[in-house]
Amino acid sequence: MTAQELHSQPHPELHRELAELVVEASDGQISAAEALAEEPEPLGLLGLTSLGFVRLIQAVESRYGVVVEMDDDLSALDTVPALADYLRERGAGGA
């Protein structure tokens, strides 16, 4: 499956779960609706701090049993759809 095909596969439950993790990691600064917008803004632009991003990555690792490699381009994980794609590529999150 190509990356484009992977991204086009809807996983609404995974997106909702990730949006809730964003809300928690941002201490409510970012709403689930903002994180789930059809044209999502990068989480950093929505107000997620670097500490919030670390908290989000730790929550994703804990919940989905993945290890986010620091060598990976973490800036590519700055939206809920990108996080969902990352998890599916690694066989996590209901892939």
PDB file of N, CA and C in Angstrom:
ATOM      1  N   MET A   1       0.853  -1.175   0.000  1.00  0.00           N
ATOM      2  CA  MET A   1       0.000   0.000   0.000  1.00  0.00           C
ATOM      3  C   MET A   1       0.897   1.235   0.000  1.00  0.00           C
ATOM      4  N   THR A   2       0.596   2.178  -0.871  1.00  0.00           N
ATOM      5  CA  THR A   2       1.396   3.394  -0.939  1.00  0.00           C
ATOM      6  C   THR A   2       1.023   4.326   0.204  1.00  0.00           C
ATOM      7  N   ALA A   3       1.882   5.297   0.452  1.00  0.00           N
ATOM      8  CA  ALA A   3       1.604   6.270   1.507  1.00  0.00           C
ATOM      9  C   ALA A   3       0.319   7.035   1.201  1.00  0.00           C
ATOM     10  N   GLN A   4       0.091   7.359  -0.079  1.00  0.00           N
ATOM     11  CA  GLN A   4      -1.131   8.070  -0.465  1.00  0.00           C
ATOM     12  C   GLN A   4      -2.365   7.227  -0.167  1.00  0.00           C
ATOM     13  N   GLU A   5      -2.319   5.940  -0.507  1.00  0.00           N
ATOM     14  CA  GLU A   5      -3.445   5.050  -0.233  1.00  0.00           C
ATOM     15  C   GLU A   5      -3.667   4.915   1.267  1.00  0.00           C
ATOM     16  N   LEU A   6      -2.570   4.826   2.010  1.00  0.00           N
ATOM     17  CA  LEU A   6      -2.650   4.707   3.458  1.00  0.00           C
ATOM     18  C   LEU A   6      -3.348   5.925   4.054  1.00  0.00           C
ATOM     19  N   HIS A   7      -2.937   7.109   3.595  1.00  0.00           N
ATOM     20  CA  HIS A   7      -3.509   8.349   4.121  1.00  0.00           C
ATOM     21  C   HIS A   7      -4.985   8.485   3.758  1.00  0.00           C
ATOM     22  N   SER A   8      -5.383   7.946   2.607  1.00  0.00           N
ATOM     23  CA  SER A   8      -6.763   8.113   2.169  1.00  0.00           C
ATOM     24  C   SER A   8      -7.728   7.184   2.903  1.00  0.00           C
ATOM     25  N   GLN A   9      -7.209   6.221   3.643  1.00  0.00           N
ATOM     26  CA  GLN A   9      -8.057   5.287   4.376  1.00  0.00           C
ATOM     27  C   GLN A   9      -8.534   5.963   5.664  1.00  0.00           C
ATOM     28  N   PRO A  10      -9.844   6.147   5.814  1.00  0.00           N
ATOM     29  CA  PRO A  10     -10.328   6.830   7.013  1.00  0.00           C
ATOM     30  C   PRO A  10     -10.217   5.942   8.255  1.00  0.00           C
ATOM     31  N   HIS A  11      -9.795   6.517   9.325  1.00  0.00           N
ATOM     32  CA  HIS A  11      -9.727   5.849  10.625  1.00  0.00           C
ATOM     33  C   HIS A  11     -10.256   6.834  11.658  1.00  0.00           C
ATOM     34  N   PRO A  12     -11.573   7.095  11.628  1.00  0.00           N
ATOM     35  CA  PRO A  12     -12.103   8.149  12.497  1.00  0.00           C
ATOM     36  C   PRO A  12     -11.870   7.899  13.981  1.00  0.00           C
ATOM     37  N   GLU A  13     -11.934   6.641  14.420  1.00  0.00           N
ATOM     38  CA  GLU A  13     -11.724   6.365  15.844  1.00  0.00           C
ATOM     39  C   GLU A  13     -10.294   6.710  16.258  1.00  0.00           C
ATOM     40  N   LEU A  14      -9.327   6.326  15.444  1.00  0.00           N
ATOM     41  CA  LEU A  14      -7.928   6.650  15.729  1.00  0.00           C
ATOM     42  C   LEU A  14      -7.737   8.160  15.766  1.00  0.00           C
ATOM     43  N   HIS A  15      -8.328   8.865  14.817  1.00  0.00           N
ATOM     44  CA  HIS A  15      -8.199  10.326  14.792  1.00  0.00           C
ATOM     45  C   HIS A  15      -8.808  10.936  16.051  1.00  0.00           C
ATOM     46  N   ARG A  16      -9.969  10.428  16.479  1.00  0.00           N
ATOM     47  CA  ARG A  16     -10.601  10.949  17.710  1.00  0.00           C
ATOM     48  C   ARG A  16      -9.713  10.694  18.932  1.00  0.00           C
ATOM     49  N   GLU A  17      -9.150   9.482  19.018  1.00  0.00           N
ATOM     50  CA  GLU A  17      -8.267   9.166  20.150  1.00  0.00           C
ATOM     51  C   GLU A  17      -7.059  10.097  20.163  1.00  0.00           C
ATOM     52  N   LEU A  18      -6.460  10.304  19.005  1.00  0.00           N
ATOM     53  CA  LEU A  18      -5.292  11.182  18.924  1.00  0.00           C
ATOM     54  C   LEU A  18      -5.668  12.623  19.255  1.00  0.00           C
ATOM     55  N   ALA A  19      -6.831  13.067  18.819  1.00  0.00           N
ATOM     56  CA  ALA A  19      -7.276  14.425  19.135  1.00  0.00           C
ATOM     57  C   ALA A  19      -7.424  14.600  20.645  1.00  0.00           C
ATOM     58  N   GLU A  20      -7.933  13.583  21.322  1.00  0.00           N
ATOM     59  CA  GLU A  20      -8.053  13.661  22.783  1.00  0.00           C
ATOM     60  C   GLU A  20      -6.675  13.724  23.444  1.00  0.00           C
ATOM     61  N   LEU A  21      -5.708  12.999  22.896  1.00  0.00           N
ATOM     62  CA  LEU A  21      -4.344  13.085  23.425  1.00  0.00           C
ATOM     63  C   LEU A  21      -3.775  14.485  23.219  1.00  0.00           C
ATOM     64  N   VAL A  22      -4.109  15.113  22.090  1.00  0.00           N
ATOM     65  CA  VAL A  22      -3.663  16.488  21.826  1.00  0.00           C
ATOM     66  C   VAL A  22      -4.273  17.436  22.853  1.00  0.00           C
ATOM     67  N   VAL A  23      -5.563  17.272  23.139  1.00  0.00           N
ATOM     68  CA  VAL A  23      -6.227  18.118  24.138  1.00  0.00           C
ATOM     69  C   VAL A  23      -5.515  17.983  25.482  1.00  0.00           C
ATOM     70  N   GLU A  24      -5.230  16.747  25.887  1.00  0.00           N
ATOM     71  CA  GLU A  24      -4.548  16.515  27.167  1.00  0.00           C
ATOM     72  C   GLU A  24      -3.136  17.093  27.159  1.00  0.00           C
ATOM     73  N   ALA A  25      -2.391  16.846  26.083  1.00  0.00           N
ATOM     74  CA  ALA A  25      -0.996  17.306  26.017  1.00  0.00           C
ATOM     75  C   ALA A  25      -0.903  18.826  26.001  1.00  0.00           C
ATOM     76  N   SER A  26      -1.939  19.474  25.467  1.00  0.00           N
ATOM     77  CA  SER A  26      -1.931  20.939  25.389  1.00  0.00           C
ATOM     78  C   SER A  26      -2.626  21.584  26.589  1.00  0.00           C
ATOM     79  N   ASP A  27      -2.989  20.778  27.577  1.00  0.00           N
ATOM     80  CA  ASP A  27      -3.724  21.281  28.745  1.00  0.00           C
ATOM     81  C   ASP A  27      -4.973  22.049  28.327  1.00  0.00           C
ATOM     82  N   GLY A  28      -5.633  21.554  27.278  1.00  0.00           N
ATOM     83  CA  GLY A  28      -6.874  22.164  26.833  1.00  0.00           C
ATOM     84  C   GLY A  28      -6.720  23.378  25.938  1.00  0.00           C
ATOM     85  N   GLN A  29      -5.493  23.780  25.644  1.00  0.00           N
ATOM     86  CA  GLN A  29      -5.269  24.939  24.769  1.00  0.00           C
ATOM     87  C   GLN A  29      -5.757  24.673  23.352  1.00  0.00           C
ATOM     88  N   ILE A  30      -5.688  23.406  22.935  1.00  0.00           N
ATOM     89  CA  ILE A  30      -6.150  23.003  21.607  1.00  0.00           C
ATOM     90  C   ILE A  30      -7.363  22.108  21.811  1.00  0.00           C
ATOM     91  N   SER A  31      -8.444  22.423  21.127  1.00  0.00           N
ATOM     92  CA  SER A  31      -9.652  21.605  21.251  1.00  0.00           C
ATOM     93  C   SER A  31      -9.576  20.417  20.296  1.00  0.00           C
ATOM     94  N   ALA A  32     -10.379  19.407  20.586  1.00  0.00           N
ATOM     95  CA  ALA A  32     -10.451  18.247  19.693  1.00  0.00           C
ATOM     96  C   ALA A  32     -10.923  18.686  18.315  1.00  0.00           C
ATOM     97  N   ALA A  33     -11.855  19.631  18.268  1.00  0.00           N
ATOM     98  CA  ALA A  33     -12.357  20.117  16.978  1.00  0.00           C
ATOM     99  C   ALA A  33     -11.240  20.759  16.163  1.00  0.00           C
ATOM    100  N   GLU A  34     -10.374  21.534  16.810  1.00  0.00           N
ATOM    101  CA  GLU A  34      -9.245  22.144  16.094  1.00  0.00           C
ATOM    102  C   GLU A  34      -8.302  21.074  15.570  1.00  0.00           C
ATOM    103  N   ALA A  35      -8.026  20.079  16.400  1.00  0.00           N
ATOM    104  CA  ALA A  35      -7.105  19.014  16.005  1.00  0.00           C
ATOM    105  C   ALA A  35      -7.677  18.166  14.880  1.00  0.00           C
ATOM    106  N   LEU A  36      -9.010  18.080  14.805  1.00  0.00           N
ATOM    107  CA  LEU A  36      -9.673  17.248  13.803  1.00  0.00           C
ATOM    108  C   LEU A  36     -10.163  18.033  12.591  1.00  0.00           C
ATOM    109  N   ALA A  37      -9.808  19.303  12.484  1.00  0.00           N
ATOM    110  CA  ALA A  37     -10.271  20.122  11.358  1.00  0.00           C
ATOM    111  C   ALA A  37      -9.935  19.454  10.032  1.00  0.00           C
ATOM    112  N   GLU A  38     -10.814  19.649   9.064  1.00  0.00           N
ATOM    113  CA  GLU A  38     -10.612  19.032   7.751  1.00  0.00           C
ATOM    114  C   GLU A  38      -9.282  19.456   7.133  1.00  0.00           C
ATOM    115  N   GLU A  39      -8.915  20.714   7.309  1.00  0.00           N
ATOM    116  CA  GLU A  39      -7.619  21.226   6.851  1.00  0.00           C
ATOM    117  C   GLU A  39      -6.828  21.590   8.114  1.00  0.00           C
ATOM    118  N   PRO A  40      -6.249  20.590   8.779  1.00  0.00           N
ATOM    119  CA  PRO A  40      -5.636  20.859  10.088  1.00  0.00           C
ATOM    120  C   PRO A  40      -4.417  21.764  10.010  1.00  0.00           C
ATOM    121  N   GLU A  41      -4.373  22.679  10.956  1.00  0.00           N
ATOM    122  CA  GLU A  41      -3.186  23.513  11.138  1.00  0.00           C
ATOM    123  C   GLU A  41      -2.154  22.689  11.892  1.00  0.00           C
ATOM    124  N   PRO A  42      -0.877  22.949  11.680  1.00  0.00           N
ATOM    125  CA  PRO A  42       0.127  22.275  12.514  1.00  0.00           C
ATOM    126  C   PRO A  42      -0.143  22.564  13.991  1.00  0.00           C
ATOM    127  N   LEU A  43       0.066  21.548  14.806  1.00  0.00           N
ATOM    128  CA  LEU A  43      -0.233  21.678  16.230  1.00  0.00           C
ATOM    129  C   LEU A  43       0.549  22.812  16.875  1.00  0.00           C
ATOM    130  N   GLY A  44       1.764  23.042  16.421  1.00  0.00           N
ATOM    131  CA  GLY A  44       2.559  24.146  16.951  1.00  0.00           C
ATOM    132  C   GLY A  44       1.900  25.492  16.702  1.00  0.00           C
ATOM    133  N   LEU A  45       1.291  25.650  15.525  1.00  0.00           N
ATOM    134  CA  LEU A  45       0.599  26.905  15.222  1.00  0.00           C
ATOM    135  C   LEU A  45      -0.684  27.053  16.024  1.00  0.00           C
ATOM    136  N   LEU A  46      -1.252  25.935  16.430  1.00  0.00           N
ATOM    137  CA  LEU A  46      -2.460  25.978  17.256  1.00  0.00           C
ATOM    138  C   LEU A  46      -2.146  26.246  18.724  1.00  0.00           C
ATOM    139  N   GLY A  47      -0.871  26.210  19.085  1.00  0.00           N
ATOM    140  CA  GLY A  47      -0.492  26.530  20.455  1.00  0.00           C
ATOM    141  C   GLY A  47       0.183  25.417  21.231  1.00  0.00           C
ATOM    142  N   LEU A  48       0.466  24.279  20.587  1.00  0.00           N
ATOM    143  CA  LEU A  48       1.153  23.198  21.296  1.00  0.00           C
ATOM    144  C   LEU A  48       2.617  23.583  21.494  1.00  0.00           C
ATOM    145  N   THR A  49       3.032  23.646  22.738  1.00  0.00           N
ATOM    146  CA  THR A  49       4.410  24.005  23.061  1.00  0.00           C
ATOM    147  C   THR A  49       5.333  22.808  22.851  1.00  0.00           C
ATOM    148  N   SER A  50       6.625  23.046  22.936  1.00  0.00           N
ATOM    149  CA  SER A  50       7.577  21.938  22.801  1.00  0.00           C
ATOM    150  C   SER A  50       7.378  20.930  23.930  1.00  0.00           C
ATOM    151  N   LEU A  51       7.087  21.399  25.131  1.00  0.00           N
ATOM    152  CA  LEU A  51       6.799  20.490  26.240  1.00  0.00           C
ATOM    153  C   LEU A  51       5.516  19.705  25.957  1.00  0.00           C
ATOM    154  N   GLY A  52       4.514  20.379  25.423  1.00  0.00           N
ATOM    155  CA  GLY A  52       3.275  19.708  25.057  1.00  0.00           C
ATOM    156  C   GLY A  52       3.503  18.649  23.997  1.00  0.00           C
ATOM    157  N   PHE A  53       4.383  18.932  23.042  1.00  0.00           N
ATOM    158  CA  PHE A  53       4.681  17.958  21.991  1.00  0.00           C
ATOM    159  C   PHE A  53       5.362  16.729  22.593  1.00  0.00           C
ATOM    160  N   VAL A  54       6.276  16.943  23.529  1.00  0.00           N
ATOM    161  CA  VAL A  54       6.935  15.818  24.206  1.00  0.00           C
ATOM    162  C   VAL A  54       5.890  14.994  24.953  1.00  0.00           C
ATOM    163  N   ARG A  55       4.985  15.667  25.642  1.00  0.00           N
ATOM    164  CA  ARG A  55       3.915  14.957  26.359  1.00  0.00           C
ATOM    165  C   ARG A  55       3.035  14.167  25.394  1.00  0.00           C
ATOM    166  N   LEU A  56       2.740  14.753  24.238  1.00  0.00           N
ATOM    167  CA  LEU A  56       1.932  14.066  23.232  1.00  0.00           C
ATOM    168  C   LEU A  56       2.645  12.819  22.725  1.00  0.00           C
ATOM    169  N   ILE A  57       3.914  12.937  22.404  1.00  0.00           N
ATOM    170  CA  ILE A  57       4.677  11.788  21.902  1.00  0.00           C
ATOM    171  C   ILE A  57       4.737  10.696  22.971  1.00  0.00           C
ATOM    172  N   GLN A  58       4.958  11.076  24.229  1.00  0.00           N
ATOM    173  CA  GLN A  58       4.988  10.083  25.306  1.00  0.00           C
ATOM    174  C   GLN A  58       3.637   9.383  25.440  1.00  0.00           C
ATOM    175  N   ALA A  59       2.553  10.127  25.319  1.00  0.00           N
ATOM    176  CA  ALA A  59       1.215   9.534  25.414  1.00  0.00           C
ATOM    177  C   ALA A  59       0.953   8.590  24.244  1.00  0.00           C
ATOM    178  N   VAL A  60       1.374   8.977  23.049  1.00  0.00           N
ATOM    179  CA  VAL A  60       1.210   8.121  21.864  1.00  0.00           C
ATOM    180  C   VAL A  60       2.011   6.836  22.041  1.00  0.00           C
ATOM    181  N   GLU A  61       3.251   6.973  22.509  1.00  0.00           N
ATOM    182  CA  GLU A  61       4.090   5.787  22.725  1.00  0.00           C
ATOM    183  C   GLU A  61       3.450   4.851  23.742  1.00  0.00           C
ATOM    184  N   SER A  62       2.954   5.415  24.830  1.00  0.00           N
ATOM    185  CA  SER A  62       2.356   4.611  25.890  1.00  0.00           C
ATOM    186  C   SER A  62       1.068   3.935  25.430  1.00  0.00           C
ATOM    187  N   ARG A  63       0.201   4.681  24.788  1.00  0.00           N
ATOM    188  CA  ARG A  63      -1.105   4.144  24.395  1.00  0.00           C
ATOM    189  C   ARG A  63      -1.001   3.120  23.272  1.00  0.00           C
ATOM    190  N   TYR A  64      -0.123   3.360  22.304  1.00  0.00           N
ATOM    191  CA  TYR A  64      -0.089   2.508  21.111  1.00  0.00           C
ATOM    192  C   TYR A  64       1.102   1.559  21.064  1.00  0.00           C
ATOM    193  N   GLY A  65       1.949   1.586  22.088  1.00  0.00           N
ATOM    194  CA  GLY A  65       3.054   0.641  22.155  1.00  0.00           C
ATOM    195  C   GLY A  65       4.088   0.814  21.060  1.00  0.00           C
ATOM    196  N   VAL A  66       4.291   2.048  20.638  1.00  0.00           N
ATOM    197  CA  VAL A  66       5.302   2.333  19.624  1.00  0.00           C
ATOM    198  C   VAL A  66       6.405   3.166  20.255  1.00  0.00           C
ATOM    199  N   VAL A  67       7.536   3.181  19.600  1.00  0.00           N
ATOM    200  CA  VAL A  67       8.627   4.057  20.008  1.00  0.00           C
ATOM    201  C   VAL A  67       8.835   5.049  18.876  1.00  0.00           C
ATOM    202  N   VAL A  68       8.658   6.322  19.173  1.00  0.00           N
ATOM    203  CA  VAL A  68       8.898   7.358  18.179  1.00  0.00           C
ATOM    204  C   VAL A  68      10.393   7.641  18.205  1.00  0.00           C
ATOM    205  N   GLU A  69      11.032   7.336  17.112  1.00  0.00           N
ATOM    206  CA  GLU A  69      12.482   7.503  17.023  1.00  0.00           C
ATOM    207  C   GLU A  69      12.830   8.983  16.920  1.00  0.00           C
ATOM    208  N   MET A  70      13.768   9.409  17.715  1.00  0.00           N
ATOM    209  CA  MET A  70      14.194  10.800  17.669  1.00  0.00           C
ATOM    210  C   MET A  70      14.889  11.127  16.346  1.00  0.00           C
ATOM    211  N   ASP A  71      15.326  10.092  15.624  1.00  0.00           N
ATOM    212  CA  ASP A  71      15.936  10.305  14.312  1.00  0.00           C
ATOM    213  C   ASP A  71      14.884  10.589  13.246  1.00  0.00           C
ATOM    214  N   ASP A  72      13.619  10.250  13.530  1.00  0.00           N
ATOM    215  CA  ASP A  72      12.542  10.517  12.580  1.00  0.00           C
ATOM    216  C   ASP A  72      12.316  12.024  12.484  1.00  0.00           C
ATOM    217  N   ASP A  73      11.736  12.447  11.376  1.00  0.00           N
ATOM    218  CA  ASP A  73      11.395  13.856  11.198  1.00  0.00           C
ATOM    219  C   ASP A  73      10.152  14.156  12.026  1.00  0.00           C
ATOM    220  N   LEU A  74      10.354  14.583  13.250  1.00  0.00           N
ATOM    221  CA  LEU A  74       9.232  14.804  14.162  1.00  0.00           C
ATOM    222  C   LEU A  74       8.347  15.958  13.725  1.00  0.00           C
ATOM    223  N   SER A  75       8.889  16.875  12.939  1.00  0.00           N
ATOM    224  CA  SER A  75       8.057  17.974  12.456  1.00  0.00           C
ATOM    225  C   SER A  75       6.969  17.463  11.523  1.00  0.00           C
ATOM    226  N   ALA A  76       7.165  16.274  10.963  1.00  0.00           N
ATOM    227  CA  ALA A  76       6.157  15.675  10.086  1.00  0.00           C
ATOM    228  C   ALA A  76       4.998  15.097  10.891  1.00  0.00           C
ATOM    229  N   LEU A  77       5.094  15.095  12.199  1.00  0.00           N
ATOM    230  CA  LEU A  77       4.044  14.544  13.062  1.00  0.00           C
ATOM    231  C   LEU A  77       3.232  15.655  13.720  1.00  0.00           C
ATOM    232  N   ASP A  78       3.099  16.782  13.048  1.00  0.00           N
ATOM    233  CA  ASP A  78       2.509  17.965  13.656  1.00  0.00           C
ATOM    234  C   ASP A  78       1.021  18.149  13.369  1.00  0.00           C
ATOM    235  N   THR A  79       0.353  17.084  12.897  1.00  0.00           N
ATOM    236  CA  THR A  79      -1.105  17.115  12.738  1.00  0.00           C
ATOM    237  C   THR A  79      -1.644  15.748  13.145  1.00  0.00           C
ATOM    238  N   VAL A  80      -2.913  15.687  13.479  1.00  0.00           N
ATOM    239  CA  VAL A  80      -3.527  14.403  13.832  1.00  0.00           C
ATOM    240  C   VAL A  80      -3.454  13.418  12.665  1.00  0.00           C
ATOM    241  N   PRO A  81      -3.776  13.820  11.423  1.00  0.00           N
ATOM    242  CA  PRO A  81      -3.649  12.859  10.319  1.00  0.00           C
ATOM    243  C   PRO A  81      -2.224  12.334  10.146  1.00  0.00           C
ATOM    244  N   ALA A  82      -1.232  13.193  10.343  1.00  0.00           N
ATOM    245  CA  ALA A  82       0.158  12.750  10.216  1.00  0.00           C
ATOM    246  C   ALA A  82       0.514  11.757  11.318  1.00  0.00           C
ATOM    247  N   LEU A  83       0.056  12.008  12.531  1.00  0.00           N
ATOM    248  CA  LEU A  83       0.286  11.063  13.625  1.00  0.00           C
ATOM    249  C   LEU A  83      -0.393   9.728  13.334  1.00  0.00           C
ATOM    250  N   ALA A  84      -1.618   9.786  12.813  1.00  0.00           N
ATOM    251  CA  ALA A  84      -2.347   8.556  12.479  1.00  0.00           C
ATOM    252  C   ALA A  84      -1.604   7.770  11.402  1.00  0.00           C
ATOM    253  N   ASP A  85      -1.113   8.461  10.387  1.00  0.00           N
ATOM    254  CA  ASP A  85      -0.343   7.793   9.329  1.00  0.00           C
ATOM    255  C   ASP A  85       0.903   7.136   9.909  1.00  0.00           C
ATOM    256  N   TYR A  86       1.582   7.863  10.781  1.00  0.00           N
ATOM    257  CA  TYR A  86       2.802   7.348  11.415  1.00  0.00           C
ATOM    258  C   TYR A  86       2.502   6.047  12.151  1.00  0.00           C
ATOM    259  N   LEU A  87       1.404   6.030  12.905  1.00  0.00           N
ATOM    260  CA  LEU A  87       1.028   4.830  13.655  1.00  0.00           C
ATOM    261  C   LEU A  87       0.660   3.682  12.723  1.00  0.00           C
ATOM    262  N   ARG A  88      -0.115   3.970  11.693  1.00  0.00           N
ATOM    263  CA  ARG A  88      -0.516   2.911  10.763  1.00  0.00           C
ATOM    264  C   ARG A  88       0.688   2.335  10.023  1.00  0.00           C
ATOM    265  N   GLU A  89       1.648   3.174   9.675  1.00  0.00           N
ATOM    266  CA  GLU A  89       2.860   2.691   9.007  1.00  0.00           C
ATOM    267  C   GLU A  89       3.632   1.728   9.896  1.00  0.00           C
ATOM    268  N   ARG A  90       3.444   1.851  11.199  1.00  0.00           N
ATOM    269  CA  ARG A  90       4.146   0.993  12.155  1.00  0.00           C
ATOM    270  C   ARG A  90       3.250  -0.121  12.687  1.00  0.00           C
ATOM    271  N   GLY A  91       2.087  -0.282  12.082  1.00  0.00           N
ATOM    272  CA  GLY A  91       1.191  -1.373  12.462  1.00  0.00           C
ATOM    273  C   GLY A  91       0.463  -1.151  13.766  1.00  0.00           C
ATOM    274  N   ALA A  92       0.350   0.097  14.195  1.00  0.00           N
ATOM    275  CA  ALA A  92      -0.333   0.412  15.452  1.00  0.00           C
ATOM    276  C   ALA A  92      -1.591   1.211  15.148  1.00  0.00           C
ATOM    277  N   GLY A  93      -2.422   1.362  16.133  1.00  0.00           N
ATOM    278  CA  GLY A  93      -3.589   2.223  15.997  1.00  0.00           C
ATOM    279  C   GLY A  93      -4.684   1.682  15.112  1.00  0.00           C
ATOM    280  N   GLY A  94      -4.855   0.363  15.096  1.00  0.00           N
ATOM    281  CA  GLY A  94      -5.943  -0.208  14.308  1.00  0.00           C
ATOM    282  C   GLY A  94      -5.630  -0.342  12.845  1.00  0.00           C
ATOM    283  N   ALA A  95      -4.353  -0.408  12.512  1.00  0.00           N
ATOM    284  CA  ALA A  95      -3.952  -0.534  11.104  1.00  0.00           C
ATOM    285  C   ALA A  95      -4.367  -1.865  10.549  1.00  0.00           C
TER     286      ALA A  95
END
